């Protein structure tokens, strides 16, 4: 056995922080991830969450992680430091200057998008020596450039709230409630979020499932977990696991990746007041 085989495998330390109050309208959270270890590669599975992120990996130029409808695995070397800012669903296109649908299932250099981000001084973030300093610098850069009175698509924002309260609701019901056609609703959701309301409802339900599993632990049976998350039955839940994670339920639910501490899910309504942006 070689010394490499005996070395501890790298592991991930991930934390989320509330966005500063002036940015909270646009940003769901700021976050940092550190890959701890002396050698090796950590494979991190990223799951669909309905959001778009601005991401800094080590000293590389920032990228935009678009909305995803499938999972992907990113390989991070031991010692990597990642800092990100996660936008609320439906609130990224004003900042990025392009429809969110153009970022679907993509990781795009920030230089390739338009809007206010083009003029942001992101080099100030890269120059910082540690994760806390990078989060602070990123907040300052965003505060200097993000318009506090930016206008979002109110029909989409209302639709997001409706879908969060009606996990089994039909899109035709949502269309009637908002007062626009299903076709127009799909077009506006795609521009603001990256895909239509039906897909967003599915992603939201899958995120609710992960949240429920994190809160209740592995002792809950799969059928009860499916019912708690708003699925029609266990088979419906299993199809979404395959669709969004490319794994069986038991494979993902026993993974530590869905149990990080201090994670704010899209549908969370209670502010994480115990988290300090400076921590």
Protein backbone atom coordinates (compact mmCIF):
# COMPACT_ATOMS: atom_id res chain seq x y z
CA UNK A 1 0.00 0.00 0.00
CA UNK A 2 1.39 3.41 -0.98
CA UNK A 3 1.48 6.47 1.24
CA UNK A 4 -1.07 8.06 -1.12
CA UNK A 5 -3.52 5.27 -0.30
CA UNK A 6 -3.08 5.93 3.43
CA UNK A 7 -3.58 9.70 3.21
CA UNK A 8 -7.00 10.95 4.38
CA UNK A 9 -9.36 11.77 1.57
CA UNK A 10 -10.24 15.44 1.17
CA UNK A 11 -13.59 16.55 2.51
CA UNK A 12 -15.83 19.57 2.06
CA UNK A 13 -16.67 22.27 4.58
CA UNK A 14 -19.68 24.24 3.31
CA UNK A 15 -21.46 27.16 4.99
CA UNK A 16 -24.14 29.63 3.98
CA UNK A 17 -24.63 33.18 5.21
CA UNK A 18 -27.50 35.60 4.96
CA UNK A 19 -26.99 38.27 2.33
CA UNK A 20 -26.49 41.79 3.69
CA UNK A 21 -29.86 43.51 4.10
CA UNK A 22 -29.47 45.88 1.10
CA UNK A 23 -28.84 42.86 -1.15
CA UNK A 24 -31.45 40.51 0.34
CA UNK A 25 -34.07 41.43 -2.26
CA UNK A 26 -31.91 39.95 -5.00
CA UNK A 27 -29.73 37.41 -3.18
CA UNK A 28 -30.88 34.37 -1.23
CA UNK A 29 -27.51 33.80 0.43
CA UNK A 30 -23.76 34.04 0.25
CA UNK A 31 -21.77 30.84 0.71
CA UNK A 32 -18.29 29.42 1.01
CA UNK A 33 -16.85 25.97 0.51
CA UNK A 34 -13.38 24.78 1.48
CA UNK A 35 -11.91 21.46 0.40
CA UNK A 36 -9.79 20.35 3.33
CA UNK A 37 -6.94 17.88 2.92
CA UNK A 38 -3.35 17.64 1.80
CA UNK A 39 -3.90 15.83 -1.48
CA UNK A 40 -6.49 14.24 -3.74
CA UNK A 41 -9.70 15.42 -5.36
CA UNK A 42 -13.13 15.90 -3.82
CA UNK A 43 -16.08 15.06 -6.08
CA UNK A 44 -19.03 17.31 -5.30
CA UNK A 45 -22.47 16.57 -6.72
CA UNK A 46 -24.45 19.72 -7.53
CA UNK A 47 -28.24 19.29 -7.52
CA UNK A 48 -30.88 21.50 -9.20
CA UNK A 49 -32.19 24.22 -6.87
CA UNK A 50 -33.88 26.79 -9.12
CA UNK A 51 -31.17 29.39 -8.49
CA UNK A 52 -28.34 31.11 -10.35
CA UNK A 53 -24.99 31.69 -8.62
CA UNK A 54 -21.96 33.91 -9.09
CA UNK A 55 -19.00 31.69 -8.19
CA UNK A 56 -15.31 32.27 -7.47
CA UNK A 57 -13.03 29.21 -7.47
CA UNK A 58 -9.59 29.88 -6.05
CA UNK A 59 -7.98 32.73 -8.01
CA UNK A 60 -9.82 32.09 -11.26
CA UNK A 61 -12.14 34.68 -12.86
CA UNK A 62 -15.74 34.31 -11.64
CA UNK A 63 -18.31 32.20 -13.42
CA UNK A 64 -22.08 32.19 -13.51
CA UNK A 65 -23.67 28.85 -12.63
CA UNK A 66 -26.99 28.82 -14.45
CA UNK A 67 -30.18 27.04 -13.46
CA UNK A 68 -29.81 23.28 -13.85
CA UNK A 69 -32.36 20.58 -14.52
CA UNK A 70 -29.87 17.73 -14.03
CA UNK A 71 -27.13 17.09 -11.52
CA UNK A 72 -23.45 17.34 -12.33
CA UNK A 73 -20.26 16.44 -10.48
CA UNK A 74 -17.47 18.96 -10.10
CA UNK A 75 -13.97 17.84 -9.12
CA UNK A 76 -12.23 20.10 -6.63
CA UNK A 77 -8.61 19.66 -5.61
CA UNK A 78 -7.67 19.55 -1.94
CA UNK A 79 -7.04 23.08 -0.72
CA UNK A 80 -9.62 24.66 -3.04
CA UNK A 81 -11.58 27.64 -1.77
CA UNK A 82 -14.90 28.57 -3.36
CA UNK A 83 -17.00 31.65 -2.66
CA UNK A 84 -20.45 32.28 -4.11
CA UNK A 85 -23.49 34.51 -4.08
CA UNK A 86 -26.83 32.80 -4.79
CA UNK A 87 -29.62 34.81 -6.38
CA UNK A 88 -33.27 34.28 -5.57
CA UNK A 89 -35.17 32.43 -8.30
CA UNK A 90 -36.52 34.89 -10.85
CA UNK A 91 -34.20 37.74 -9.87
CA UNK A 92 -31.01 37.16 -11.86
CA UNK A 93 -31.79 38.33 -15.39
CA UNK A 94 -31.89 42.04 -14.40
CA UNK A 95 -28.38 41.73 -12.99
CA UNK A 96 -26.95 39.55 -15.75
CA UNK A 97 -28.61 41.32 -18.67
CA UNK A 98 -29.74 38.16 -20.48
CA UNK A 99 -32.71 35.80 -20.14
CA UNK A 100 -32.04 33.10 -17.58
CA UNK A 101 -32.93 30.49 -20.21
CA UNK A 102 -29.67 31.32 -22.01
CA UNK A 103 -27.79 30.00 -18.96
CA UNK A 104 -29.75 26.75 -18.67
CA UNK A 105 -27.51 23.84 -17.64
CA UNK A 106 -24.36 25.91 -18.18
CA UNK A 107 -21.34 27.28 -16.33
CA UNK A 108 -20.52 30.54 -18.10
CA UNK A 109 -17.60 32.98 -17.63
CA UNK A 110 -19.01 36.16 -16.17
CA UNK A 111 -17.38 38.07 -19.03
CA UNK A 112 -19.82 36.35 -21.40
CA UNK A 113 -22.95 37.85 -19.83
CA UNK A 114 -24.22 41.42 -20.02
CA UNK A 115 -25.94 43.80 -17.66
CA UNK A 116 -24.51 45.49 -14.54
CA UNK A 117 -22.09 42.62 -13.83
CA UNK A 118 -19.99 43.71 -16.81
CA UNK A 119 -18.75 46.74 -14.88
CA UNK A 120 -18.25 45.16 -11.48
CA UNK A 121 -14.74 45.14 -10.00
CA UNK A 122 -14.55 41.44 -9.24
CA UNK A 123 -10.74 41.52 -9.12
CA UNK A 124 -11.16 43.04 -5.66
CA UNK A 125 -12.72 39.75 -4.56
CA UNK A 126 -9.99 37.56 -6.03
CA UNK A 127 -7.29 39.62 -4.31
CA UNK A 128 -8.56 38.71 -0.83
CA UNK A 129 -6.65 36.14 1.21
CA UNK A 130 -9.46 34.12 2.83
CA UNK A 131 -13.12 33.17 2.49
CA UNK A 132 -14.47 35.71 4.97
CA UNK A 133 -12.61 38.56 3.28
CA UNK A 134 -13.82 37.40 -0.12
CA UNK A 135 -17.45 37.36 1.02
CA UNK A 136 -17.08 40.86 2.39
CA UNK A 137 -15.38 42.15 -0.77
CA UNK A 138 -18.01 40.50 -2.96
CA UNK A 139 -20.77 42.17 -0.95
CA UNK A 140 -19.10 45.56 -1.35
CA UNK A 141 -18.72 45.10 -5.11
CA UNK A 142 -22.37 44.11 -5.46
CA UNK A 143 -23.60 46.91 -3.19
CA UNK A 144 -21.82 49.44 -5.38
CA UNK A 145 -23.51 48.18 -8.54
CA UNK A 146 -26.88 46.57 -7.79
CA UNK A 147 -29.82 48.95 -8.08
CA UNK A 148 -31.92 48.77 -4.90
CA UNK A 149 -35.09 49.61 -6.85
CA UNK A 150 -34.60 47.05 -9.64
CA UNK A 151 -37.90 45.81 -11.07
CA UNK A 152 -38.61 42.08 -11.24
CA UNK A 153 -41.39 40.28 -13.09
CA UNK A 154 -44.11 40.38 -10.44
CA UNK A 155 -46.18 37.70 -12.17
CA UNK A 156 -43.25 35.29 -11.92
CA UNK A 157 -42.58 36.18 -8.28
CA UNK A 158 -46.25 35.62 -7.46
CA UNK A 159 -46.12 32.32 -9.34
CA UNK A 160 -43.10 31.21 -7.31
CA UNK A 161 -45.00 31.84 -4.09
CA UNK A 162 -48.09 30.02 -5.39
CA UNK A 163 -46.05 26.99 -6.46
CA UNK A 164 -44.31 26.85 -3.08
CA UNK A 165 -47.72 26.65 -1.40
CA UNK A 166 -49.23 24.20 -3.91
CA UNK A 167 -46.71 21.39 -4.57
CA UNK A 168 -49.39 19.40 -6.43
CA UNK A 169 -51.15 22.35 -8.03
CA UNK A 170 -51.77 22.40 -11.76
CA UNK A 171 -50.18 25.01 -13.99
CA UNK A 172 -53.53 25.84 -15.54
CA UNK A 173 -54.74 26.79 -12.04
CA UNK A 174 -51.72 29.05 -11.61
CA UNK A 175 -52.37 30.62 -15.01
CA UNK A 176 -55.96 31.43 -14.08
CA UNK A 177 -54.93 32.75 -10.67
CA UNK A 178 -52.36 35.15 -12.16
CA UNK A 179 -54.57 36.05 -15.11
CA UNK A 180 -52.28 35.30 -18.06
CA UNK A 181 -52.20 32.44 -20.54
CA UNK A 182 -50.17 29.30 -19.88
CA UNK A 183 -48.04 30.09 -22.92
CA UNK A 184 -47.20 33.57 -21.66
CA UNK A 185 -46.59 32.22 -18.17
CA UNK A 186 -44.11 29.69 -19.55
CA UNK A 187 -42.33 32.38 -21.57
CA UNK A 188 -41.98 34.70 -18.59
CA UNK A 189 -40.85 31.94 -16.23
CA UNK A 190 -38.24 30.84 -18.77
CA UNK A 191 -36.87 34.38 -19.08
CA UNK A 192 -36.75 34.96 -15.32
CA UNK A 193 -35.87 31.51 -13.94
CA UNK A 194 -34.52 29.55 -16.89
CA UNK A 195 -37.38 27.11 -17.48
CA UNK A 196 -41.15 26.90 -17.25
CA UNK A 197 -43.35 26.75 -14.14
CA UNK A 198 -43.86 22.98 -14.33
CA UNK A 199 -40.14 22.30 -14.19
CA UNK A 200 -39.73 24.88 -11.42
CA UNK A 201 -42.48 23.17 -9.42
CA UNK A 202 -40.65 19.85 -9.79
CA UNK A 203 -37.31 21.32 -8.72
CA UNK A 204 -38.96 23.05 -5.76
CA UNK A 205 -40.61 19.78 -4.67
CA UNK A 206 -37.27 17.96 -4.96
CA UNK A 207 -35.60 20.63 -2.83
CA UNK A 208 -38.42 20.30 -0.28
CA UNK A 209 -37.69 16.57 -0.21
CA UNK A 210 -34.00 17.18 0.56
CA UNK A 211 -34.95 19.69 3.25
CA UNK A 212 -37.35 17.22 4.86
CA UNK A 213 -34.73 14.45 4.76
CA UNK A 214 -32.17 16.73 6.38
CA UNK A 215 -34.56 17.73 9.16
CA UNK A 216 -35.97 14.28 9.93
CA UNK A 217 -32.95 12.11 9.29
CA UNK A 218 -32.61 8.68 7.76
CA UNK A 219 -35.11 7.01 10.08
CA UNK A 220 -38.11 8.19 8.07
CA UNK A 221 -39.38 5.67 5.52
CA UNK A 222 -39.31 6.54 1.83
CA UNK A 223 -43.10 6.45 1.47
CA UNK A 224 -43.54 8.88 4.39
CA UNK A 225 -40.78 11.09 3.02
CA UNK A 226 -42.48 11.22 -0.37
CA UNK A 227 -45.81 12.18 1.19
CA UNK A 228 -44.20 14.85 3.38
CA UNK A 229 -42.54 16.48 0.36
CA UNK A 230 -45.75 16.59 -1.69
CA UNK A 231 -45.22 13.66 -4.05
CA UNK A 232 -48.16 11.62 -5.28
CA UNK A 233 -46.42 8.41 -4.17
CA UNK A 234 -43.02 6.83 -3.63
CA UNK A 235 -42.69 5.92 -7.30
CA UNK A 236 -43.15 9.58 -8.24
CA UNK A 237 -40.38 10.53 -5.81
CA UNK A 238 -38.08 7.84 -7.15
CA UNK A 239 -38.48 9.15 -10.70
CA UNK A 240 -37.44 12.61 -9.53
CA UNK A 241 -34.36 11.20 -7.82
CA UNK A 242 -33.35 9.61 -11.10
CA UNK A 243 -34.23 12.76 -13.04
CA UNK A 244 -32.50 15.33 -10.84
CA UNK A 245 -29.72 13.35 -9.14
CA UNK A 246 -29.22 10.34 -11.43
CA UNK A 247 -29.22 8.22 -8.27
CA UNK A 248 -31.59 5.95 -6.40
CA UNK A 249 -33.18 7.51 -3.28
CA UNK A 250 -31.14 5.42 -0.86
CA UNK A 251 -27.89 6.34 -2.64
CA UNK A 252 -28.44 10.09 -2.28
CA UNK A 253 -30.10 10.05 1.13
CA UNK A 254 -27.15 8.30 2.74
CA UNK A 255 -24.76 10.81 1.21
CA UNK A 256 -23.34 13.54 3.47
CA UNK A 257 -23.84 16.01 0.61
CA UNK A 258 -27.50 16.59 1.50
CA UNK A 259 -26.76 17.13 5.19
CA UNK A 260 -24.51 20.21 5.34
CA UNK A 261 -25.19 22.62 8.18
CA UNK A 262 -26.46 26.15 7.75
CA UNK A 263 -28.17 25.64 4.38
CA UNK A 264 -31.05 27.88 3.39
CA UNK A 265 -33.49 26.24 1.02
CA UNK A 266 -35.45 28.26 -1.54
CA UNK A 267 -38.77 27.69 0.22
CA UNK A 268 -37.49 28.56 3.69
CA UNK A 269 -39.56 31.40 5.14
CA UNK A 270 -37.74 31.84 8.45
CA UNK A 271 -34.62 34.00 8.27
CA UNK A 272 -31.45 32.29 9.48
CA UNK A 273 -30.88 34.94 12.13
CA UNK A 274 -28.25 32.84 13.84
CA UNK A 275 -25.96 33.12 10.83
CA UNK A 276 -23.68 36.12 10.71
CA UNK A 277 -22.36 37.36 7.39
CA UNK A 278 -19.03 38.01 9.11
CA UNK A 279 -18.72 34.60 10.74
